[in-house]
């Protein structure tokens, strides 16, 4: 039996199960929350990777934990790691600082200021914040990127900038 998305009720276990099957899936960088898998057509500034609750999350490179947030909305529990002196993707032969962000985590196993090495476990996947099912919202930013996972933008500011985060 097919149930239209608009008939699902938030907080109802049966509706949540159906919603997770219907509308929770991997979202590509700058994609939309639909099934096109097209990049550069939306405002999703990361890649959503649907994985089981509690899957270990590991640092993509050596760095320093620059931010931890244990929020109940938005990105939920998330970690930002600063990776200095990495090859600059825009300027071959030069280095820059990159920031990797891991959002919607269940558990965080690091502290701000901690040095981490590539592959070190930083926490586990979850569905904290604005998430309908366990996944990791993975974002990688260059130092001069206009949007960072730790920039405190409001919904109004995002909308005014042309960003949208829900299905459009």
N, C-alpha and C. Protein backbone atom coordinates (compact mmCIF):
# COMPACT_ATOMS: atom_id res chain seq x y z
N UNK A 1 0.84 -1.18 0.00
CA UNK A 1 0.00 0.00 0.00
C UNK A 1 0.89 1.24 0.00
N UNK A 2 0.62 2.14 -0.90
CA UNK A 2 1.38 3.37 -1.01
C UNK A 2 0.74 4.47 -0.18
N UNK A 3 1.55 5.12 0.66
CA UNK A 3 1.06 6.20 1.51
C UNK A 3 1.72 7.49 1.05
N UNK A 4 0.93 8.51 0.67
CA UNK A 4 1.53 9.79 0.27
C UNK A 4 2.31 10.42 1.42
N UNK A 5 3.43 11.04 1.11
CA UNK A 5 4.28 11.66 2.13
C UNK A 5 3.48 12.65 2.97
N UNK A 6 2.61 13.41 2.36
CA UNK A 6 1.85 14.43 3.10
C UNK A 6 0.88 13.83 4.12
N UNK A 7 0.61 12.53 4.04
CA UNK A 7 -0.28 11.87 5.00
C UNK A 7 0.48 11.31 6.22
N UNK A 8 1.80 11.37 6.20
CA UNK A 8 2.59 10.85 7.30
C UNK A 8 2.57 11.83 8.47
N UNK A 9 2.59 11.28 9.69
CA UNK A 9 2.52 12.08 10.91
C UNK A 9 3.87 12.02 11.62
N UNK A 10 4.45 13.21 11.94
CA UNK A 10 5.73 13.25 12.65
C UNK A 10 5.57 12.67 14.05
N UNK A 11 6.52 11.83 14.44
CA UNK A 11 6.50 11.24 15.77
C UNK A 11 5.74 9.93 15.85
N UNK A 12 5.03 9.56 14.80
CA UNK A 12 4.32 8.29 14.77
C UNK A 12 5.29 7.22 14.25
N UNK A 13 5.55 6.15 15.02
CA UNK A 13 6.54 5.15 14.60
C UNK A 13 6.28 4.56 13.22
N UNK A 14 5.02 4.28 12.88
CA UNK A 14 4.73 3.72 11.55
C UNK A 14 5.02 4.74 10.46
N UNK A 15 4.64 6.00 10.70
CA UNK A 15 4.93 7.05 9.72
C UNK A 15 6.43 7.27 9.59
N UNK A 16 7.15 7.26 10.72
CA UNK A 16 8.60 7.45 10.68
C UNK A 16 9.28 6.36 9.87
N UNK A 17 8.83 5.11 10.04
CA UNK A 17 9.41 4.00 9.28
C UNK A 17 9.19 4.19 7.78
N UNK A 18 7.98 4.56 7.40
CA UNK A 18 7.66 4.79 5.98
C UNK A 18 8.45 5.99 5.45
N UNK A 19 8.50 7.08 6.23
CA UNK A 19 9.22 8.28 5.81
C UNK A 19 10.69 7.97 5.57
N UNK A 20 11.29 7.20 6.48
CA UNK A 20 12.71 6.85 6.33
C UNK A 20 12.96 6.07 5.05
N UNK A 21 12.05 5.21 4.68
CA UNK A 21 12.19 4.44 3.45
C UNK A 21 11.99 5.34 2.23
N UNK A 22 10.99 6.22 2.31
CA UNK A 22 10.62 7.04 1.15
C UNK A 22 11.53 8.22 0.90
N UNK A 23 11.90 8.95 1.96
CA UNK A 23 12.55 10.23 1.69
C UNK A 23 13.94 10.37 2.29
N UNK A 24 14.46 9.39 2.95
CA UNK A 24 15.81 9.50 3.49
C UNK A 24 16.74 8.67 2.63
N UNK A 25 17.68 9.33 2.01
CA UNK A 25 18.59 8.68 1.09
C UNK A 25 19.82 9.56 0.97
N UNK A 26 20.81 9.08 0.32
CA UNK A 26 22.03 9.87 0.14
C UNK A 26 21.71 11.13 -0.66
N UNK A 27 22.30 12.24 -0.23
CA UNK A 27 22.15 13.51 -0.94
C UNK A 27 23.54 13.95 -1.37
N UNK A 28 23.68 14.30 -2.63
CA UNK A 28 24.98 14.69 -3.16
C UNK A 28 25.31 16.13 -2.80
N UNK A 29 26.57 16.51 -2.99
CA UNK A 29 27.02 17.87 -2.70
C UNK A 29 26.26 18.88 -3.57
N UNK A 30 25.77 19.92 -2.93
CA UNK A 30 24.95 20.95 -3.57
C UNK A 30 23.78 20.33 -4.33
N UNK A 31 23.24 19.26 -3.77
CA UNK A 31 22.09 18.60 -4.38
C UNK A 31 20.80 19.04 -3.72
N UNK A 32 19.72 18.42 -4.15
CA UNK A 32 18.39 18.65 -3.59
C UNK A 32 17.94 17.36 -2.92
N UNK A 33 16.92 17.49 -2.08
CA UNK A 33 16.36 16.31 -1.42
C UNK A 33 15.33 15.65 -2.33
N UNK A 34 15.80 15.16 -3.45
CA UNK A 34 14.97 14.38 -4.35
C UNK A 34 15.84 13.25 -4.88
N UNK A 35 15.37 12.51 -5.80
CA UNK A 35 16.12 11.33 -6.25
C UNK A 35 16.92 11.55 -7.52
N UNK A 36 17.20 12.80 -7.89
CA UNK A 36 17.92 13.07 -9.14
C UNK A 36 19.41 12.80 -9.05
N UNK A 37 19.99 12.93 -7.86
CA UNK A 37 21.43 12.77 -7.65
C UNK A 37 22.25 13.74 -8.49
N UNK A 38 21.66 14.89 -8.81
CA UNK A 38 22.36 15.92 -9.58
C UNK A 38 23.10 16.85 -8.62
N UNK A 39 24.37 17.11 -8.91
CA UNK A 39 25.14 18.07 -8.13
C UNK A 39 24.91 19.47 -8.69
N UNK A 40 25.19 20.48 -7.84
CA UNK A 40 25.14 21.89 -8.23
C UNK A 40 23.74 22.37 -8.62
N UNK A 41 22.68 21.72 -8.13
CA UNK A 41 21.32 22.17 -8.45
C UNK A 41 20.52 22.53 -7.19
N UNK A 42 21.16 22.45 -6.04
CA UNK A 42 20.46 22.75 -4.80
C UNK A 42 21.37 23.46 -3.82
N UNK A 43 21.07 23.33 -2.55
CA UNK A 43 21.82 24.05 -1.53
C UNK A 43 22.38 23.15 -0.44
N UNK A 44 22.40 21.87 -0.66
CA UNK A 44 22.91 20.96 0.35
C UNK A 44 24.43 20.98 0.27
N UNK A 45 25.08 21.64 1.25
CA UNK A 45 26.51 21.91 1.19
C UNK A 45 27.38 20.77 1.69
N UNK A 46 26.91 19.56 1.52
CA UNK A 46 27.64 18.39 2.00
C UNK A 46 27.14 17.16 1.26
N UNK A 47 27.61 16.01 1.71
CA UNK A 47 27.12 14.73 1.21
C UNK A 47 26.50 14.02 2.40
N UNK A 48 25.26 13.57 2.27
CA UNK A 48 24.61 12.77 3.30
C UNK A 48 24.85 11.30 2.96
N UNK A 49 25.38 10.57 3.91
CA UNK A 49 25.67 9.16 3.70
C UNK A 49 24.84 8.37 4.71
N UNK A 50 23.87 7.63 4.21
CA UNK A 50 22.99 6.84 5.07
C UNK A 50 23.74 5.60 5.55
N UNK A 51 23.92 5.50 6.88
CA UNK A 51 24.64 4.37 7.48
C UNK A 51 23.94 3.99 8.78
N UNK A 52 24.15 2.77 9.25
CA UNK A 52 23.48 2.33 10.48
C UNK A 52 23.89 3.15 11.71
N UNK A 53 22.96 3.28 12.64
CA UNK A 53 23.22 3.93 13.93
C UNK A 53 24.42 3.28 14.60
N UNK A 54 25.33 4.11 15.09
CA UNK A 54 26.48 3.61 15.82
C UNK A 54 27.68 3.24 14.97
N UNK A 55 27.63 3.49 13.66
CA UNK A 55 28.78 3.20 12.80
C UNK A 55 29.93 4.12 13.19
N UNK A 56 31.13 3.59 13.40
CA UNK A 56 32.26 4.45 13.76
C UNK A 56 32.55 5.49 12.67
N UNK A 57 32.79 6.73 13.09
CA UNK A 57 33.19 7.80 12.18
C UNK A 57 34.64 8.12 12.49
N UNK A 58 35.44 8.29 11.44
CA UNK A 58 36.88 8.48 11.60
C UNK A 58 37.34 9.74 10.87
N UNK A 59 38.36 10.37 11.42
CA UNK A 59 38.91 11.57 10.81
C UNK A 59 39.49 11.24 9.44
N UNK A 60 39.23 12.11 8.46
CA UNK A 60 39.73 11.85 7.11
C UNK A 60 41.21 12.18 6.95
N UNK A 61 41.76 12.95 7.91
CA UNK A 61 43.17 13.35 7.83
C UNK A 61 43.64 13.81 9.20
N UNK A 62 44.93 13.99 9.34
CA UNK A 62 45.47 14.55 10.58
C UNK A 62 44.91 15.96 10.77
N UNK A 63 44.68 16.34 12.03
CA UNK A 63 44.18 17.68 12.28
C UNK A 63 43.92 17.93 13.75
N UNK A 64 43.21 19.03 13.99
CA UNK A 64 42.87 19.44 15.36
C UNK A 64 41.37 19.68 15.42
N UNK A 65 40.73 19.14 16.45
CA UNK A 65 39.29 19.33 16.62
C UNK A 65 39.07 20.81 16.96
N UNK A 66 38.40 21.53 16.06
CA UNK A 66 38.21 22.97 16.27
C UNK A 66 36.84 23.32 16.82
N UNK A 67 35.86 22.40 16.71
CA UNK A 67 34.54 22.67 17.27
C UNK A 67 33.80 21.37 17.54
N UNK A 68 33.08 21.38 18.64
CA UNK A 68 32.14 20.30 18.95
C UNK A 68 30.84 20.97 19.36
N UNK A 69 29.75 20.47 18.84
CA UNK A 69 28.43 20.96 19.23
C UNK A 69 27.57 19.76 19.57
N UNK A 70 26.87 19.84 20.68
CA UNK A 70 25.95 18.77 21.08
C UNK A 70 24.53 19.30 21.01
N UNK A 71 24.13 19.72 19.80
CA UNK A 71 22.83 20.36 19.61
C UNK A 71 21.69 19.40 19.43
N UNK A 72 20.49 19.91 19.67
CA UNK A 72 19.28 19.11 19.48
C UNK A 72 18.55 19.49 18.20
N UNK A 73 19.03 20.49 17.47
CA UNK A 73 18.43 20.91 16.20
C UNK A 73 19.55 21.05 15.16
N UNK A 74 19.16 21.38 13.95
CA UNK A 74 20.15 21.62 12.90
C UNK A 74 21.07 20.44 12.69
N UNK A 75 22.40 20.67 12.82
CA UNK A 75 23.40 19.63 12.62
C UNK A 75 23.47 18.64 13.77
N UNK A 76 22.73 18.89 14.86
CA UNK A 76 22.76 17.98 16.00
C UNK A 76 24.14 17.91 16.60
N UNK A 77 24.55 16.72 17.01
CA UNK A 77 25.90 16.54 17.54
C UNK A 77 26.85 16.54 16.34
N UNK A 78 27.79 17.49 16.34
CA UNK A 78 28.74 17.48 15.23
C UNK A 78 30.13 17.91 15.67
N UNK A 79 31.09 17.48 14.84
CA UNK A 79 32.50 17.74 15.08
C UNK A 79 33.08 18.39 13.83
N UNK A 80 33.90 19.42 14.05
CA UNK A 80 34.64 20.06 12.96
C UNK A 80 36.12 19.87 13.24
N UNK A 81 36.85 19.38 12.24
CA UNK A 81 38.30 19.18 12.37
C UNK A 81 39.02 20.08 11.38
N UNK A 82 40.00 20.83 11.88
CA UNK A 82 40.83 21.71 11.05
C UNK A 82 42.04 20.92 10.58
N UNK A 83 42.29 20.95 9.27
CA UNK A 83 43.40 20.23 8.65
C UNK A 83 44.32 21.26 7.99
N UNK A 84 45.36 21.73 8.69
CA UNK A 84 46.24 22.75 8.10
C UNK A 84 47.26 22.15 7.13
N UNK A 85 47.76 23.02 6.26
CA UNK A 85 48.87 22.66 5.36
C UNK A 85 48.58 21.46 4.47
N UNK A 86 47.40 21.45 3.87
CA UNK A 86 47.07 20.40 2.90
C UNK A 86 47.13 21.01 1.50
N UNK A 87 47.33 20.19 0.47
CA UNK A 87 47.37 20.74 -0.89
C UNK A 87 46.10 21.54 -1.20
N UNK A 88 46.29 22.71 -1.78
CA UNK A 88 45.18 23.60 -2.13
C UNK A 88 44.56 23.13 -3.44
N UNK A 89 43.29 22.72 -3.43
CA UNK A 89 42.67 22.23 -4.67
C UNK A 89 42.54 23.31 -5.74
N UNK A 90 42.58 24.58 -5.34
CA UNK A 90 42.46 25.68 -6.30
C UNK A 90 43.81 26.15 -6.85
N UNK A 91 44.88 25.90 -6.10
CA UNK A 91 46.21 26.39 -6.46
C UNK A 91 47.25 25.29 -6.30
N UNK A 92 47.45 24.48 -7.34
CA UNK A 92 48.45 23.41 -7.25
C UNK A 92 49.81 23.96 -6.82
N UNK A 93 50.49 23.21 -5.97
CA UNK A 93 51.79 23.63 -5.49
C UNK A 93 51.73 24.49 -4.23
N UNK A 94 50.52 24.86 -3.80
CA UNK A 94 50.36 25.65 -2.58
C UNK A 94 49.59 24.83 -1.57
N UNK A 95 49.60 25.29 -0.33
CA UNK A 95 48.84 24.61 0.71
C UNK A 95 47.77 25.55 1.27
N UNK A 96 46.81 24.96 1.96
CA UNK A 96 45.73 25.71 2.56
C UNK A 96 45.25 24.95 3.80
N UNK A 97 44.22 25.46 4.42
CA UNK A 97 43.60 24.76 5.54
C UNK A 97 42.23 24.28 5.09
N UNK A 98 41.94 23.01 5.36
CA UNK A 98 40.62 22.44 5.09
C UNK A 98 39.94 22.16 6.42
N UNK A 99 38.62 22.13 6.40
CA UNK A 99 37.81 21.79 7.57
C UNK A 99 36.89 20.65 7.18
N UNK A 100 36.92 19.56 7.95
CA UNK A 100 35.98 18.47 7.71
C UNK A 100 34.95 18.52 8.84
N UNK A 101 33.70 18.27 8.47
CA UNK A 101 32.61 18.32 9.44
C UNK A 101 31.80 17.04 9.35
N UNK A 102 31.44 16.52 10.52
CA UNK A 102 30.70 15.27 10.64
C UNK A 102 29.48 15.59 11.50
N UNK A 103 28.28 15.55 10.93
CA UNK A 103 27.08 16.00 11.65
C UNK A 103 26.07 14.87 11.86
N UNK A 104 25.16 15.11 12.80
CA UNK A 104 24.07 14.19 13.20
C UNK A 104 24.61 12.98 13.96
N UNK A 105 25.76 13.15 14.61
CA UNK A 105 26.41 12.06 15.32
C UNK A 105 25.60 11.62 16.55
N UNK A 106 25.75 10.35 16.91
CA UNK A 106 25.14 9.84 18.13
C UNK A 106 26.08 10.09 19.30
N UNK A 107 27.32 9.64 19.19
CA UNK A 107 28.32 9.84 20.23
C UNK A 107 29.51 10.60 19.67
N UNK A 108 30.08 11.48 20.49
CA UNK A 108 31.30 12.21 20.15
C UNK A 108 32.39 11.71 21.08
N UNK A 109 33.52 11.24 20.51
CA UNK A 109 34.60 10.67 21.30
C UNK A 109 35.86 11.53 21.35
N UNK A 110 35.75 12.80 20.97
CA UNK A 110 36.89 13.71 21.00
C UNK A 110 36.50 14.98 21.75
N UNK A 111 37.49 15.82 22.04
CA UNK A 111 37.24 17.09 22.71
C UNK A 111 37.86 18.21 21.89
N UNK A 112 37.33 19.43 22.05
CA UNK A 112 37.88 20.57 21.34
C UNK A 112 39.35 20.73 21.68
N UNK A 113 40.15 21.04 20.66
CA UNK A 113 41.58 21.24 20.84
C UNK A 113 42.39 19.96 20.70
N UNK A 114 41.73 18.82 20.69
CA UNK A 114 42.43 17.53 20.60
C UNK A 114 43.04 17.36 19.21
N UNK A 115 44.27 16.84 19.17
CA UNK A 115 44.91 16.49 17.91
C UNK A 115 44.46 15.08 17.55
N UNK A 116 44.06 14.89 16.29
CA UNK A 116 43.64 13.57 15.81
C UNK A 116 44.49 13.18 14.61
N UNK A 117 44.62 11.90 14.39
CA UNK A 117 45.35 11.41 13.23
C UNK A 117 44.38 10.78 12.25
N UNK A 118 44.79 10.71 11.02
CA UNK A 118 43.96 10.11 9.98
C UNK A 118 43.50 8.73 10.42
N UNK A 119 42.19 8.50 10.32
CA UNK A 119 41.62 7.20 10.67
C UNK A 119 41.22 7.05 12.11
N UNK A 120 41.54 8.05 12.94
CA UNK A 120 41.19 7.96 14.36
C UNK A 120 39.67 8.09 14.53
N UNK A 121 39.11 7.26 15.40
CA UNK A 121 37.67 7.30 15.66
C UNK A 121 37.33 8.59 16.41
N UNK A 122 36.37 9.35 15.85
CA UNK A 122 35.96 10.61 16.47
C UNK A 122 34.56 10.51 17.07
N UNK A 123 33.83 9.46 16.74
CA UNK A 123 32.48 9.28 17.26
C UNK A 123 31.73 8.23 16.47
N UNK A 124 30.40 8.25 16.60
CA UNK A 124 29.56 7.29 15.88
C UNK A 124 28.40 8.01 15.19
N UNK A 125 27.89 7.38 14.16
CA UNK A 125 26.78 7.95 13.40
C UNK A 125 25.51 7.94 14.23
N UNK A 126 24.64 8.88 13.92
CA UNK A 126 23.37 8.98 14.64
C UNK A 126 22.31 9.66 13.81
N UNK A 127 21.33 10.22 14.49
CA UNK A 127 20.27 10.98 13.81
C UNK A 127 19.87 12.17 14.68
N UNK A 128 20.87 12.81 15.31
CA UNK A 128 20.59 13.98 16.14
C UNK A 128 20.35 15.21 15.27
N UNK A 129 19.69 16.19 15.83
CA UNK A 129 19.39 17.41 15.09
C UNK A 129 18.27 17.18 14.10
N UNK A 130 18.34 17.86 12.97
CA UNK A 130 17.31 17.74 11.93
C UNK A 130 17.68 16.57 11.03
N UNK A 131 17.27 15.39 11.42
CA UNK A 131 17.56 14.17 10.69
C UNK A 131 16.39 13.21 10.87
N UNK A 132 16.08 12.45 9.83
CA UNK A 132 14.97 11.51 9.92
C UNK A 132 15.43 10.07 10.11
N UNK A 133 16.73 9.83 9.93
CA UNK A 133 17.27 8.48 10.08
C UNK A 133 18.78 8.59 10.28
N UNK A 134 19.42 7.56 10.83
CA UNK A 134 20.86 7.63 11.01
C UNK A 134 21.60 7.86 9.69
N UNK A 135 22.51 8.82 9.73
CA UNK A 135 23.38 9.11 8.60
C UNK A 135 24.46 10.06 9.06
N UNK A 136 25.45 10.27 8.22
CA UNK A 136 26.45 11.30 8.50
C UNK A 136 26.35 12.35 7.39
N UNK A 137 26.25 13.59 7.82
CA UNK A 137 26.29 14.75 6.93
C UNK A 137 27.76 15.14 6.92
N UNK A 138 28.47 14.81 5.84
CA UNK A 138 29.90 15.06 5.75
C UNK A 138 30.15 16.26 4.86
N UNK A 139 30.89 17.21 5.40
CA UNK A 139 31.17 18.45 4.68
C UNK A 139 32.65 18.73 4.74
N UNK A 140 33.21 19.15 3.62
CA UNK A 140 34.62 19.51 3.55
C UNK A 140 34.71 20.90 2.96
N UNK A 141 35.30 21.82 3.72
CA UNK A 141 35.40 23.22 3.28
C UNK A 141 36.84 23.67 3.23
N UNK A 142 37.14 24.53 2.27
CA UNK A 142 38.43 25.20 2.21
C UNK A 142 38.35 26.41 3.13
N UNK A 143 39.47 26.89 3.60
CA UNK A 143 39.50 27.97 4.59
C UNK A 143 38.70 29.20 4.16
N UNK A 144 38.70 29.53 2.87
CA UNK A 144 38.00 30.75 2.43
C UNK A 144 36.59 30.48 1.90
N UNK A 145 36.03 29.32 2.20
CA UNK A 145 34.66 29.01 1.77
C UNK A 145 33.67 29.96 2.45
N UNK A 146 32.63 30.41 1.73
CA UNK A 146 31.67 31.33 2.33
C UNK A 146 30.76 30.67 3.36
N UNK A 147 30.62 29.35 3.33
CA UNK A 147 29.74 28.64 4.27
C UNK A 147 30.54 27.57 4.98
N UNK A 148 30.54 27.63 6.29
CA UNK A 148 31.19 26.60 7.08
C UNK A 148 30.14 25.98 7.99
N UNK A 149 30.34 24.73 8.40
CA UNK A 149 29.36 24.08 9.26
C UNK A 149 29.24 24.74 10.62
N UNK A 150 30.17 25.60 10.96
CA UNK A 150 30.12 26.25 12.26
C UNK A 150 29.72 27.71 12.15
N UNK A 151 29.41 28.18 10.93
CA UNK A 151 28.96 29.57 10.77
C UNK A 151 27.54 29.67 11.27
N UNK A 152 27.22 30.56 12.18
CA UNK A 152 25.88 30.57 12.79
C UNK A 152 24.83 31.30 11.95
N UNK A 153 24.51 30.76 10.78
CA UNK A 153 23.49 31.39 9.97
C UNK A 153 22.10 31.01 10.43
N UNK A 154 21.17 31.96 10.27
CA UNK A 154 19.77 31.69 10.61
C UNK A 154 19.05 31.19 9.37
N UNK A 155 17.86 30.66 9.54
CA UNK A 155 17.06 30.22 8.39
C UNK A 155 16.78 31.39 7.46
N UNK A 156 16.51 32.57 8.02
CA UNK A 156 16.24 33.76 7.20
C UNK A 156 17.47 34.15 6.38
N UNK A 157 18.66 34.10 7.00
CA UNK A 157 19.88 34.44 6.28
C UNK A 157 20.16 33.43 5.17
N UNK A 158 19.94 32.17 5.45
CA UNK A 158 20.15 31.14 4.44
C UNK A 158 19.20 31.35 3.27
N UNK A 159 17.93 31.61 3.57
CA UNK A 159 16.93 31.83 2.52
C UNK A 159 17.28 33.05 1.68
N UNK A 160 17.71 34.14 2.34
CA UNK A 160 18.07 35.37 1.62
C UNK A 160 19.26 35.13 0.70
N UNK A 161 20.11 34.17 1.03
CA UNK A 161 21.27 33.85 0.22
C UNK A 161 20.96 32.81 -0.86
N UNK A 162 19.71 32.37 -0.92
CA UNK A 162 19.31 31.39 -1.93
C UNK A 162 19.51 29.96 -1.52
N UNK A 163 19.83 29.72 -0.25
CA UNK A 163 20.01 28.35 0.22
C UNK A 163 18.69 27.79 0.72
N UNK A 164 18.43 26.55 0.44
CA UNK A 164 17.26 25.87 0.97
C UNK A 164 17.70 24.48 1.37
N UNK A 165 17.15 23.98 2.46
CA UNK A 165 17.63 22.72 3.00
C UNK A 165 16.61 21.62 2.97
N UNK A 166 15.37 21.94 2.82
CA UNK A 166 14.35 20.91 2.75
C UNK A 166 13.93 20.72 1.30
N UNK A 167 13.14 19.72 1.07
CA UNK A 167 12.70 19.38 -0.28
C UNK A 167 12.08 20.58 -0.94
N UNK A 168 12.42 20.84 -2.17
CA UNK A 168 11.92 22.00 -2.91
C UNK A 168 11.42 21.60 -4.25
